[in-house]
Amino acid sequence: MIQHTVVFKLKYPKGSAEEKTFLEAANKLSTLPGVQNFECLRQISKKNNFDYGLSMVFNGTKEYDAYNNHSDHIAFVETFWLRDVVDFMEIDYEGIRFRSLYVL
């Protein structure tokens, strides 16, 4: 199991039409094959400079690689991500199996 998480800051003000357009486009990633437990999140802590997060789970490397190479994901990155995001951090976790449970 892989949990893919990215936190980011947009170049647009919160509540702007551009923010809405970006987040709506990001939400469409939830429909790609292999994506599970998709979440689009708004940061509320003042402990970092990021404003948003995306999180999703994949059954394994095969599904995660397929997502990364999917034409809709690549189009999102090229159309929205590169244009709209000013800073980000990506973290990919692999679940550690303890008996029959995954723990992140």
PDB file of N, CA and C in Angstrom:
ATOM      1  N   MET A   1       0.840  -1.178   0.000  1.00  0.00           N
ATOM      2  CA  MET A   1       0.000   0.000   0.000  1.00  0.00           C
ATOM      3  C   MET A   1       0.884   1.240   0.000  1.00  0.00           C
ATOM      4  N   ILE A   2       0.522   2.209  -0.826  1.00  0.00           N
ATOM      5  CA  ILE A   2       1.253   3.479  -0.906  1.00  0.00           C
ATOM      6  C   ILE A   2       0.282   4.621  -0.665  1.00  0.00           C
ATOM      7  N   GLN A   3       0.657   5.528   0.222  1.00  0.00           N
ATOM      8  CA  GLN A   3      -0.115   6.755   0.409  1.00  0.00           C
ATOM      9  C   GLN A   3       0.681   7.887  -0.196  1.00  0.00           C
ATOM     10  N   HIS A   4       0.102   8.512  -1.200  1.00  0.00           N
ATOM     11  CA  HIS A   4       0.714   9.636  -1.909  1.00  0.00           C
ATOM     12  C   HIS A   4       0.103  10.915  -1.357  1.00  0.00           C
ATOM     13  N   THR A   5       0.938  11.791  -0.839  1.00  0.00           N
ATOM     14  CA  THR A   5       0.481  13.049  -0.262  1.00  0.00           C
ATOM     15  C   THR A   5       1.326  14.184  -0.802  1.00  0.00           C
ATOM     16  N   VAL A   6       0.658  15.260  -1.164  1.00  0.00           N
ATOM     17  CA  VAL A   6       1.379  16.459  -1.589  1.00  0.00           C
ATOM     18  C   VAL A   6       0.710  17.660  -0.926  1.00  0.00           C
ATOM     19  N   VAL A   7       1.526  18.525  -0.340  1.00  0.00           N
ATOM     20  CA  VAL A   7       1.042  19.784   0.217  1.00  0.00           C
ATOM     21  C   VAL A   7       1.594  20.891  -0.662  1.00  0.00           C
ATOM     22  N   PHE A   8       0.814  21.964  -0.814  1.00  0.00           N
ATOM     23  CA  PHE A   8       1.226  22.982  -1.783  1.00  0.00           C
ATOM     24  C   PHE A   8       0.621  24.339  -1.483  1.00  0.00           C
ATOM     25  N   LYS A   9       1.176  25.339  -2.145  1.00  0.00           N
ATOM     26  CA  LYS A   9       0.712  26.719  -2.058  1.00  0.00           C
ATOM     27  C   LYS A   9       0.431  27.197  -3.476  1.00  0.00           C
ATOM     28  N   LEU A  10      -0.746  27.763  -3.675  1.00  0.00           N
ATOM     29  CA  LEU A  10      -1.102  28.327  -4.973  1.00  0.00           C
ATOM     30  C   LEU A  10      -0.682  29.788  -5.051  1.00  0.00           C
ATOM     31  N   LYS A  11      -0.513  30.278  -6.254  1.00  0.00           N
ATOM     32  CA  LYS A  11      -0.150  31.680  -6.430  1.00  0.00           C
ATOM     33  C   LYS A  11      -1.359  32.606  -6.338  1.00  0.00           C
ATOM     34  N   TYR A  12      -2.542  32.034  -6.183  1.00  0.00           N
ATOM     35  CA  TYR A  12      -3.776  32.822  -6.173  1.00  0.00           C
ATOM     36  C   TYR A  12      -4.312  32.986  -4.759  1.00  0.00           C
ATOM     37  N   PRO A  13      -5.057  34.041  -4.505  1.00  0.00           N
ATOM     38  CA  PRO A  13      -5.640  34.234  -3.170  1.00  0.00           C
ATOM     39  C   PRO A  13      -6.695  33.179  -2.850  1.00  0.00           C
ATOM     40  N   LYS A  14      -6.824  32.884  -1.578  1.00  0.00           N
ATOM     41  CA  LYS A  14      -7.869  31.966  -1.134  1.00  0.00           C
ATOM     42  C   LYS A  14      -9.227  32.555  -1.485  1.00  0.00           C
ATOM     43  N   GLY A  15     -10.099  31.690  -1.979  1.00  0.00           N
ATOM     44  CA  GLY A  15     -11.436  32.125  -2.348  1.00  0.00           C
ATOM     45  C   GLY A  15     -11.538  32.668  -3.768  1.00  0.00           C
ATOM     46  N   SER A  16     -10.439  32.717  -4.490  1.00  0.00           N
ATOM     47  CA  SER A  16     -10.448  33.268  -5.846  1.00  0.00           C
ATOM     48  C   SER A  16     -11.019  32.266  -6.840  1.00  0.00           C
ATOM     49  N   ALA A  17     -11.422  32.765  -7.990  1.00  0.00           N
ATOM     50  CA  ALA A  17     -11.915  31.897  -9.064  1.00  0.00           C
ATOM     51  C   ALA A  17     -10.818  30.945  -9.528  1.00  0.00           C
ATOM     52  N   GLU A  18      -9.581  31.417  -9.551  1.00  0.00           N
ATOM     53  CA  GLU A  18      -8.451  30.581  -9.965  1.00  0.00           C
ATOM     54  C   GLU A  18      -8.234  29.422  -8.995  1.00  0.00           C
ATOM     55  N   GLU A  19      -8.369  29.704  -7.697  1.00  0.00           N
ATOM     56  CA  GLU A  19      -8.257  28.650  -6.692  1.00  0.00           C
ATOM     57  C   GLU A  19      -9.328  27.590  -6.939  1.00  0.00           C
ATOM     58  N   LYS A  20     -10.549  28.020  -7.145  1.00  0.00           N
ATOM     59  CA  LYS A  20     -11.666  27.100  -7.376  1.00  0.00           C
ATOM     60  C   LYS A  20     -11.409  26.241  -8.609  1.00  0.00           C
ATOM     61  N   THR A  21     -10.953  26.854  -9.681  1.00  0.00           N
ATOM     62  CA  THR A  21     -10.673  26.127 -10.919  1.00  0.00           C
ATOM     63  C   THR A  21      -9.600  25.068 -10.695  1.00  0.00           C
ATOM     64  N   PHE A  22      -8.533  25.439  -9.992  1.00  0.00           N
ATOM     65  CA  PHE A  22      -7.453  24.495  -9.716  1.00  0.00           C
ATOM     66  C   PHE A  22      -7.962  23.323  -8.882  1.00  0.00           C
ATOM     67  N   LEU A  23      -8.667  23.606  -7.798  1.00  0.00           N
ATOM     68  CA  LEU A  23      -9.133  22.546  -6.905  1.00  0.00           C
ATOM     69  C   LEU A  23     -10.151  21.637  -7.582  1.00  0.00           C
ATOM     70  N   GLU A  24     -10.988  22.187  -8.455  1.00  0.00           N
ATOM     71  CA  GLU A  24     -11.920  21.350  -9.211  1.00  0.00           C
ATOM     72  C   GLU A  24     -11.160  20.421 -10.155  1.00  0.00           C
ATOM     73  N   ALA A  25     -10.119  20.937 -10.803  1.00  0.00           N
ATOM     74  CA  ALA A  25      -9.300  20.104 -11.688  1.00  0.00           C
ATOM     75  C   ALA A  25      -8.571  19.030 -10.892  1.00  0.00           C
ATOM     76  N   ALA A  26      -8.048  19.391  -9.721  1.00  0.00           N
ATOM     77  CA  ALA A  26      -7.351  18.423  -8.869  1.00  0.00           C
ATOM     78  C   ALA A  26      -8.302  17.313  -8.417  1.00  0.00           C
ATOM     79  N   ASN A  27      -9.526  17.682  -8.101  1.00  0.00           N
ATOM     80  CA  ASN A  27     -10.505  16.700  -7.632  1.00  0.00           C
ATOM     81  C   ASN A  27     -10.793  15.636  -8.690  1.00  0.00           C
ATOM     82  N   LYS A  28     -10.640  15.964  -9.959  1.00  0.00           N
ATOM     83  CA  LYS A  28     -10.877  14.992 -11.031  1.00  0.00           C
ATOM     84  C   LYS A  28      -9.853  13.862 -11.010  1.00  0.00           C
ATOM     85  N   LEU A  29      -8.725  14.080 -10.343  1.00  0.00           N
ATOM     86  CA  LEU A  29      -7.728  13.010 -10.210  1.00  0.00           C
ATOM     87  C   LEU A  29      -8.298  11.822  -9.436  1.00  0.00           C
ATOM     88  N   SER A  30      -9.310  12.073  -8.639  1.00  0.00           N
ATOM     89  CA  SER A  30      -9.923  11.005  -7.834  1.00  0.00           C
ATOM     90  C   SER A  30     -10.559   9.921  -8.696  1.00  0.00           C
ATOM     91  N   THR A  31     -10.842  10.232  -9.953  1.00  0.00           N
ATOM     92  CA  THR A  31     -11.509   9.269 -10.833  1.00  0.00           C
ATOM     93  C   THR A  31     -10.524   8.387 -11.601  1.00  0.00           C
ATOM     94  N   LEU A  32      -9.226   8.640 -11.474  1.00  0.00           N
ATOM     95  CA  LEU A  32      -8.242   7.856 -12.215  1.00  0.00           C
ATOM     96  C   LEU A  32      -8.151   6.440 -11.652  1.00  0.00           C
ATOM     97  N   PRO A  33      -7.875   5.465 -12.507  1.00  0.00           N
ATOM     98  CA  PRO A  33      -7.781   4.081 -12.050  1.00  0.00           C
ATOM     99  C   PRO A  33      -6.741   3.911 -10.946  1.00  0.00           C
ATOM    100  N   GLY A  34      -7.099   3.138  -9.934  1.00  0.00           N
ATOM    101  CA  GLY A  34      -6.185   2.829  -8.841  1.00  0.00           C
ATOM    102  C   GLY A  34      -6.225   3.791  -7.672  1.00  0.00           C
ATOM    103  N   VAL A  35      -6.815   4.969  -7.858  1.00  0.00           N
ATOM    104  CA  VAL A  35      -6.872   5.971  -6.788  1.00  0.00           C
ATOM    105  C   VAL A  35      -7.945   5.571  -5.781  1.00  0.00           C
ATOM    106  N   GLN A  36      -7.542   5.523  -4.505  1.00  0.00           N
ATOM    107  CA  GLN A  36      -8.471   5.218  -3.418  1.00  0.00           C
ATOM    108  C   GLN A  36      -8.340   6.292  -2.336  1.00  0.00           C
ATOM    109  N   ASN A  37      -9.384   6.486  -1.590  1.00  0.00           N
ATOM    110  CA  ASN A  37      -9.380   7.390  -0.423  1.00  0.00           C
ATOM    111  C   ASN A  37      -8.830   8.771  -0.775  1.00  0.00           C
ATOM    112  N   PHE A  38      -9.242   9.310  -1.910  1.00  0.00           N
ATOM    113  CA  PHE A  38      -8.785  10.626  -2.340  1.00  0.00           C
ATOM    114  C   PHE A  38      -9.329  11.707  -1.406  1.00  0.00           C
ATOM    115  N   GLU A  39      -8.452  12.632  -1.020  1.00  0.00           N
ATOM    116  CA  GLU A  39      -8.867  13.770  -0.205  1.00  0.00           C
ATOM    117  C   GLU A  39      -8.216  15.038  -0.735  1.00  0.00           C
ATOM    118  N   CYS A  40      -9.003  16.084  -0.819  1.00  0.00           N
ATOM    119  CA  CYS A  40      -8.506  17.427  -1.121  1.00  0.00           C
ATOM    120  C   CYS A  40      -8.684  18.220   0.169  1.00  0.00           C
ATOM    121  N   LEU A  41      -7.593  18.738   0.701  1.00  0.00           N
ATOM    122  CA  LEU A  41      -7.588  19.280   2.061  1.00  0.00           C
ATOM    123  C   LEU A  41      -7.125  20.730   2.092  1.00  0.00           C
ATOM    124  N   ARG A  42      -7.683  21.495   3.021  1.00  0.00           N
ATOM    125  CA  ARG A  42      -7.261  22.880   3.248  1.00  0.00           C
ATOM    126  C   ARG A  42      -6.500  22.930   4.576  1.00  0.00           C
ATOM    127  N   GLN A  43      -5.300  23.441   4.528  1.00  0.00           N
ATOM    128  CA  GLN A  43      -4.431  23.564   5.703  1.00  0.00           C
ATOM    129  C   GLN A  43      -4.999  24.615   6.659  1.00  0.00           C
ATOM    130  N   ILE A  44      -5.045  24.306   7.941  1.00  0.00           N
ATOM    131  CA  ILE A  44      -5.526  25.273   8.935  1.00  0.00           C
ATOM    132  C   ILE A  44      -4.444  25.647   9.951  1.00  0.00           C
ATOM    133  N   SER A  45      -3.347  24.920   9.962  1.00  0.00           N
ATOM    134  CA  SER A  45      -2.269  25.187  10.905  1.00  0.00           C
ATOM    135  C   SER A  45      -1.397  26.344  10.414  1.00  0.00           C
ATOM    136  N   LYS A  46      -0.811  27.061  11.343  1.00  0.00           N
ATOM    137  CA  LYS A  46       0.120  28.131  11.004  1.00  0.00           C
ATOM    138  C   LYS A  46       1.565  27.637  11.088  1.00  0.00           C
ATOM    139  N   LYS A  47       1.778  26.328  11.194  1.00  0.00           N
ATOM    140  CA  LYS A  47       3.113  25.758  11.380  1.00  0.00           C
ATOM    141  C   LYS A  47       3.900  25.618  10.087  1.00  0.00           C
ATOM    142  N   ASN A  48       3.267  25.870   8.937  1.00  0.00           N
ATOM    143  CA  ASN A  48       3.986  25.841   7.668  1.00  0.00           C
ATOM    144  C   ASN A  48       3.329  26.820   6.697  1.00  0.00           C
ATOM    145  N   ASN A  49       3.919  26.986   5.542  1.00  0.00           N
ATOM    146  CA  ASN A  49       3.423  27.963   4.567  1.00  0.00           C
ATOM    147  C   ASN A  49       2.539  27.368   3.486  1.00  0.00           C
ATOM    148  N   PHE A  50       2.222  26.074   3.590  1.00  0.00           N
ATOM    149  CA  PHE A  50       1.372  25.448   2.587  1.00  0.00           C
ATOM    150  C   PHE A  50      -0.090  25.691   2.923  1.00  0.00           C
ATOM    151  N   ASP A  51      -0.918  25.770   1.894  1.00  0.00           N
ATOM    152  CA  ASP A  51      -2.340  26.064   2.089  1.00  0.00           C
ATOM    153  C   ASP A  51      -3.262  24.879   1.823  1.00  0.00           C
ATOM    154  N   TYR A  52      -2.807  23.900   1.030  1.00  0.00           N
ATOM    155  CA  TYR A  52      -3.670  22.816   0.588  1.00  0.00           C
ATOM    156  C   TYR A  52      -2.919  21.496   0.608  1.00  0.00           C
ATOM    157  N   GLY A  53      -3.677  20.422   0.555  1.00  0.00           N
ATOM    158  CA  GLY A  53      -3.078  19.101   0.444  1.00  0.00           C
ATOM    159  C   GLY A  53      -3.958  18.195  -0.393  1.00  0.00           C
ATOM    160  N   LEU A  54      -3.309  17.264  -1.065  1.00  0.00           N
ATOM    161  CA  LEU A  54      -3.995  16.184  -1.760  1.00  0.00           C
ATOM    162  C   LEU A  54      -3.440  14.885  -1.198  1.00  0.00           C
ATOM    163  N   SER A  55      -4.295  13.939  -0.940  1.00  0.00           N
ATOM    164  CA  SER A  55      -3.858  12.666  -0.411  1.00  0.00           C
ATOM    165  C   SER A  55      -4.666  11.564  -1.073  1.00  0.00           C
ATOM    166  N   MET A  56      -3.991  10.463  -1.375  1.00  0.00           N
ATOM    167  CA  MET A  56      -4.658   9.315  -1.978  1.00  0.00           C
ATOM    168  C   MET A  56      -3.873   8.061  -1.673  1.00  0.00           C
ATOM    169  N   VAL A  57      -4.516   6.923  -1.799  1.00  0.00           N
ATOM    170  CA  VAL A  57      -3.903   5.639  -1.489  1.00  0.00           C
ATOM    171  C   VAL A  57      -3.959   4.762  -2.735  1.00  0.00           C
ATOM    172  N   PHE A  58      -2.898   3.968  -2.908  1.00  0.00           N
ATOM    173  CA  PHE A  58      -2.813   2.993  -3.992  1.00  0.00           C
ATOM    174  C   PHE A  58      -2.503   1.626  -3.400  1.00  0.00           C
ATOM    175  N   ASN A  59      -2.979   0.566  -4.036  1.00  0.00           N
ATOM    176  CA  ASN A  59      -2.714  -0.785  -3.536  1.00  0.00           C
ATOM    177  C   ASN A  59      -1.242  -1.141  -3.578  1.00  0.00           C
ATOM    178  N   GLY A  60      -0.498  -0.570  -4.511  1.00  0.00           N
ATOM    179  CA  GLY A  60       0.921  -0.888  -4.624  1.00  0.00           C
ATOM    180  C   GLY A  60       1.607  -0.056  -5.684  1.00  0.00           C
ATOM    181  N   THR A  61       2.847  -0.402  -5.954  1.00  0.00           N
ATOM    182  CA  THR A  61       3.681   0.345  -6.882  1.00  0.00           C
ATOM    183  C   THR A  61       3.108   0.342  -8.295  1.00  0.00           C
ATOM    184  N   LYS A  62       2.565  -0.772  -8.713  1.00  0.00           N
ATOM    185  CA  LYS A  62       2.005  -0.872 -10.063  1.00  0.00           C
ATOM    186  C   LYS A  62       0.893   0.168 -10.274  1.00  0.00           C
ATOM    187  N   GLU A  63      -0.016   0.285  -9.326  1.00  0.00           N
ATOM    188  CA  GLU A  63      -1.117   1.240  -9.423  1.00  0.00           C
ATOM    189  C   GLU A  63      -0.614   2.680  -9.316  1.00  0.00           C
ATOM    190  N   TYR A  64       0.356   2.896  -8.431  1.00  0.00           N
ATOM    191  CA  TYR A  64       0.913   4.242  -8.262  1.00  0.00           C
ATOM    192  C   TYR A  64       1.635   4.683  -9.531  1.00  0.00           C
ATOM    193  N   ASP A  65       2.427   3.805 -10.124  1.00  0.00           N
ATOM    194  CA  ASP A  65       3.129   4.132 -11.367  1.00  0.00           C
ATOM    195  C   ASP A  65       2.142   4.392 -12.505  1.00  0.00           C
ATOM    196  N   ALA A  66       1.088   3.593 -12.566  1.00  0.00           N
ATOM    197  CA  ALA A  66       0.070   3.793 -13.600  1.00  0.00           C
ATOM    198  C   ALA A  66      -0.591   5.160 -13.449  1.00  0.00           C
ATOM    199  N   TYR A  67      -0.860   5.566 -12.220  1.00  0.00           N
ATOM    200  CA  TYR A  67      -1.430   6.893 -11.949  1.00  0.00           C
ATOM    201  C   TYR A  67      -0.471   7.986 -12.418  1.00  0.00           C
ATOM    202  N   ASN A  68       0.784   7.885 -12.032  1.00  0.00           N
ATOM    203  CA  ASN A  68       1.765   8.907 -12.411  1.00  0.00           C
ATOM    204  C   ASN A  68       1.919   9.036 -13.917  1.00  0.00           C
ATOM    205  N   ASN A  69       1.753   7.937 -14.642  1.00  0.00           N
ATOM    206  CA  ASN A  69       1.932   7.939 -16.087  1.00  0.00           C
ATOM    207  C   ASN A  69       0.630   8.083 -16.869  1.00  0.00           C
ATOM    208  N   HIS A  70      -0.484   8.199 -16.156  1.00  0.00           N
ATOM    209  CA  HIS A  70      -1.783   8.334 -16.818  1.00  0.00           C
ATOM    210  C   HIS A  70      -1.847   9.685 -17.539  1.00  0.00           C
ATOM    211  N   SER A  71      -2.402   9.685 -18.737  1.00  0.00           N
ATOM    212  CA  SER A  71      -2.456  10.908 -19.539  1.00  0.00           C
ATOM    213  C   SER A  71      -3.219  12.038 -18.847  1.00  0.00           C
ATOM    214  N   ASP A  72      -4.260  11.725 -18.075  1.00  0.00           N
ATOM    215  CA  ASP A  72      -5.009  12.773 -17.369  1.00  0.00           C
ATOM    216  C   ASP A  72      -4.179  13.383 -16.239  1.00  0.00           C
ATOM    217  N   HIS A  73      -3.375  12.572 -15.562  1.00  0.00           N
ATOM    218  CA  HIS A  73      -2.495  13.103 -14.517  1.00  0.00           C
ATOM    219  C   HIS A  73      -1.423  14.003 -15.137  1.00  0.00           C
ATOM    220  N   ILE A  74      -0.831  13.542 -16.212  1.00  0.00           N
ATOM    221  CA  ILE A  74       0.201  14.339 -16.900  1.00  0.00           C
ATOM    222  C   ILE A  74      -0.396  15.651 -17.398  1.00  0.00           C
ATOM    223  N   ALA A  75      -1.598  15.611 -17.955  1.00  0.00           N
ATOM    224  CA  ALA A  75      -2.262  16.828 -18.429  1.00  0.00           C
ATOM    225  C   ALA A  75      -2.542  17.782 -17.275  1.00  0.00           C
ATOM    226  N   PHE A  76      -2.967  17.253 -16.121  1.00  0.00           N
ATOM    227  CA  PHE A  76      -3.201  18.106 -14.951  1.00  0.00           C
ATOM    228  C   PHE A  76      -1.915  18.815 -14.541  1.00  0.00           C
ATOM    229  N   VAL A  77      -0.826  18.073 -14.466  1.00  0.00           N
ATOM    230  CA  VAL A  77       0.462  18.664 -14.075  1.00  0.00           C
ATOM    231  C   VAL A  77       0.858  19.762 -15.064  1.00  0.00           C
ATOM    232  N   GLU A  78       0.761  19.466 -16.343  1.00  0.00           N
ATOM    233  CA  GLU A  78       1.192  20.429 -17.360  1.00  0.00           C
ATOM    234  C   GLU A  78       0.274  21.637 -17.465  1.00  0.00           C
ATOM    235  N   THR A  79      -1.029  21.436 -17.296  1.00  0.00           N
ATOM    236  CA  THR A  79      -1.997  22.515 -17.471  1.00  0.00           C
ATOM    237  C   THR A  79      -2.180  23.363 -16.223  1.00  0.00           C
ATOM    238  N   PHE A  80      -2.230  22.723 -15.067  1.00  0.00           N
ATOM    239  CA  PHE A  80      -2.555  23.439 -13.839  1.00  0.00           C
ATOM    240  C   PHE A  80      -1.372  23.529 -12.880  1.00  0.00           C
ATOM    241  N   TRP A  81      -0.780  22.384 -12.548  1.00  0.00           N
ATOM    242  CA  TRP A  81       0.238  22.339 -11.497  1.00  0.00           C
ATOM    243  C   TRP A  81       1.403  23.278 -11.789  1.00  0.00           C
ATOM    244  N   LEU A  82       2.011  23.144 -12.951  1.00  0.00           N
ATOM    245  CA  LEU A  82       3.189  23.943 -13.279  1.00  0.00           C
ATOM    246  C   LEU A  82       2.872  25.431 -13.345  1.00  0.00           C
ATOM    247  N   ARG A  83       1.666  25.777 -13.726  1.00  0.00           N
ATOM    248  CA  ARG A  83       1.245  27.171 -13.847  1.00  0.00           C
ATOM    249  C   ARG A  83       0.837  27.790 -12.510  1.00  0.00           C
ATOM    250  N   ASP A  84       0.164  27.003 -11.657  1.00  0.00           N
ATOM    251  CA  ASP A  84      -0.526  27.568 -10.501  1.00  0.00           C
ATOM    252  C   ASP A  84       0.154  27.372  -9.150  1.00  0.00           C
ATOM    253  N   VAL A  85       1.028  26.387  -9.035  1.00  0.00           N
ATOM    254  CA  VAL A  85       1.637  26.057  -7.740  1.00  0.00           C
ATOM    255  C   VAL A  85       2.978  26.775  -7.604  1.00  0.00           C
ATOM    256  N   VAL A  86       3.162  27.474  -6.475  1.00  0.00           N
ATOM    257  CA  VAL A  86       4.421  28.195  -6.249  1.00  0.00           C
ATOM    258  C   VAL A  86       5.374  27.441  -5.341  1.00  0.00           C
ATOM    259  N   ASP A  87       4.857  26.518  -4.536  1.00  0.00           N
ATOM    260  CA  ASP A  87       5.711  25.729  -3.655  1.00  0.00           C
ATOM    261  C   ASP A  87       4.962  24.460  -3.267  1.00  0.00           C
ATOM    262  N   PHE A  88       5.706  23.376  -3.077  1.00  0.00           N
ATOM    263  CA  PHE A  88       5.056  22.126  -2.682  1.00  0.00           C
ATOM    264  C   PHE A  88       6.071  21.183  -2.051  1.00  0.00           C
ATOM    265  N   MET A  89       5.541  20.185  -1.382  1.00  0.00           N
ATOM    266  CA  MET A  89       6.331  19.081  -0.857  1.00  0.00           C
ATOM    267  C   MET A  89       5.514  17.812  -1.070  1.00  0.00           C
ATOM    268  N   GLU A  90       6.158  16.813  -1.639  1.00  0.00           N
ATOM    269  CA  GLU A  90       5.509  15.541  -1.918  1.00  0.00           C
ATOM    270  C   GLU A  90       6.086  14.472  -1.000  1.00  0.00           C
ATOM    271  N   ILE A  91       5.196  13.680  -0.430  1.00  0.00           N
ATOM    272  CA  ILE A  91       5.615  12.594   0.453  1.00  0.00           C
ATOM    273  C   ILE A  91       4.849  11.347   0.034  1.00  0.00           C
ATOM    274  N   ASP A  92       5.579  10.275  -0.215  1.00  0.00           N
ATOM    275  CA  ASP A  92       4.969   9.004  -0.562  1.00  0.00           C
ATOM    276  C   ASP A  92       5.343   7.993   0.518  1.00  0.00           C
ATOM    277  N   TYR A  93       4.332   7.508   1.201  1.00  0.00           N
ATOM    278  CA  TYR A  93       4.531   6.557   2.285  1.00  0.00           C
ATOM    279  C   TYR A  93       4.197   5.159   1.808  1.00  0.00           C
ATOM    280  N   GLU A  94       4.978   4.196   2.249  1.00  0.00           N
ATOM    281  CA  GLU A  94       4.640   2.800   2.037  1.00  0.00           C
ATOM    282  C   GLU A  94       4.156   2.246   3.365  1.00  0.00           C
ATOM    283  N   GLY A  95       3.014   1.584   3.340  1.00  0.00           N
ATOM    284  CA  GLY A  95       2.474   1.012   4.563  1.00  0.00           C
ATOM    285  C   GLY A  95       3.371  -0.097   5.084  1.00  0.00           C
ATOM    286  N   ILE A  96       3.535  -0.150   6.381  1.00  0.00           N
ATOM    287  CA  ILE A  96       4.318  -1.193   7.041  1.00  0.00           C
ATOM    288  C   ILE A  96       3.329  -2.233   7.557  1.00  0.00           C
ATOM    289  N   ARG A  97       3.516  -3.452   7.120  1.00  0.00           N
ATOM    290  CA  ARG A  97       2.552  -4.500   7.476  1.00  0.00           C
ATOM    291  C   ARG A  97       2.905  -5.119   8.830  1.00  0.00           C
ATOM    292  N   PHE A  98       1.945  -5.053   9.751  1.00  0.00           N
ATOM    293  CA  PHE A  98       2.035  -5.717  11.044  1.00  0.00           C
ATOM    294  C   PHE A  98       0.905  -6.724  11.109  1.00  0.00           C
ATOM    295  N   ARG A  99       1.281  -7.984  11.095  1.00  0.00           N
ATOM    296  CA  ARG A  99       0.292  -9.084  11.038  1.00  0.00           C
ATOM    297  C   ARG A  99      -0.601  -8.862   9.833  1.00  0.00           C
ATOM    298  N   SER A 100      -1.877  -8.622  10.032  1.00  0.00           N
ATOM    299  CA  SER A 100      -2.779  -8.454   8.888  1.00  0.00           C
ATOM    300  C   SER A 100      -3.197  -6.994   8.696  1.00  0.00           C
ATOM    301  N   LEU A 101      -2.577  -6.067   9.437  1.00  0.00           N
ATOM    302  CA  LEU A 101      -2.960  -4.661   9.345  1.00  0.00           C
ATOM    303  C   LEU A 101      -1.838  -3.825   8.749  1.00  0.00           C
ATOM    304  N   TYR A 102      -2.202  -2.798   8.010  1.00  0.00           N
ATOM    305  CA  TYR A 102      -1.237  -1.808   7.549  1.00  0.00           C
ATOM    306  C   TYR A 102      -1.254  -0.649   8.522  1.00  0.00           C
ATOM    307  N   VAL A 103      -0.083  -0.149   8.835  1.00  0.00           N
ATOM    308  CA  VAL A 103       0.017   1.003   9.721  1.00  0.00           C
ATOM    309  C   VAL A 103       0.833   2.054   8.991  1.00  0.00           C
ATOM    310  N   LEU A 104       0.307   3.238   8.926  1.00  0.00           N
ATOM    311  CA  LEU A 104       1.050   4.346   8.309  1.00  0.00           C
ATOM    312  C   LEU A 104       1.627   5.226   9.369  1.00  0.00           C
TER     313      LEU A 104
END
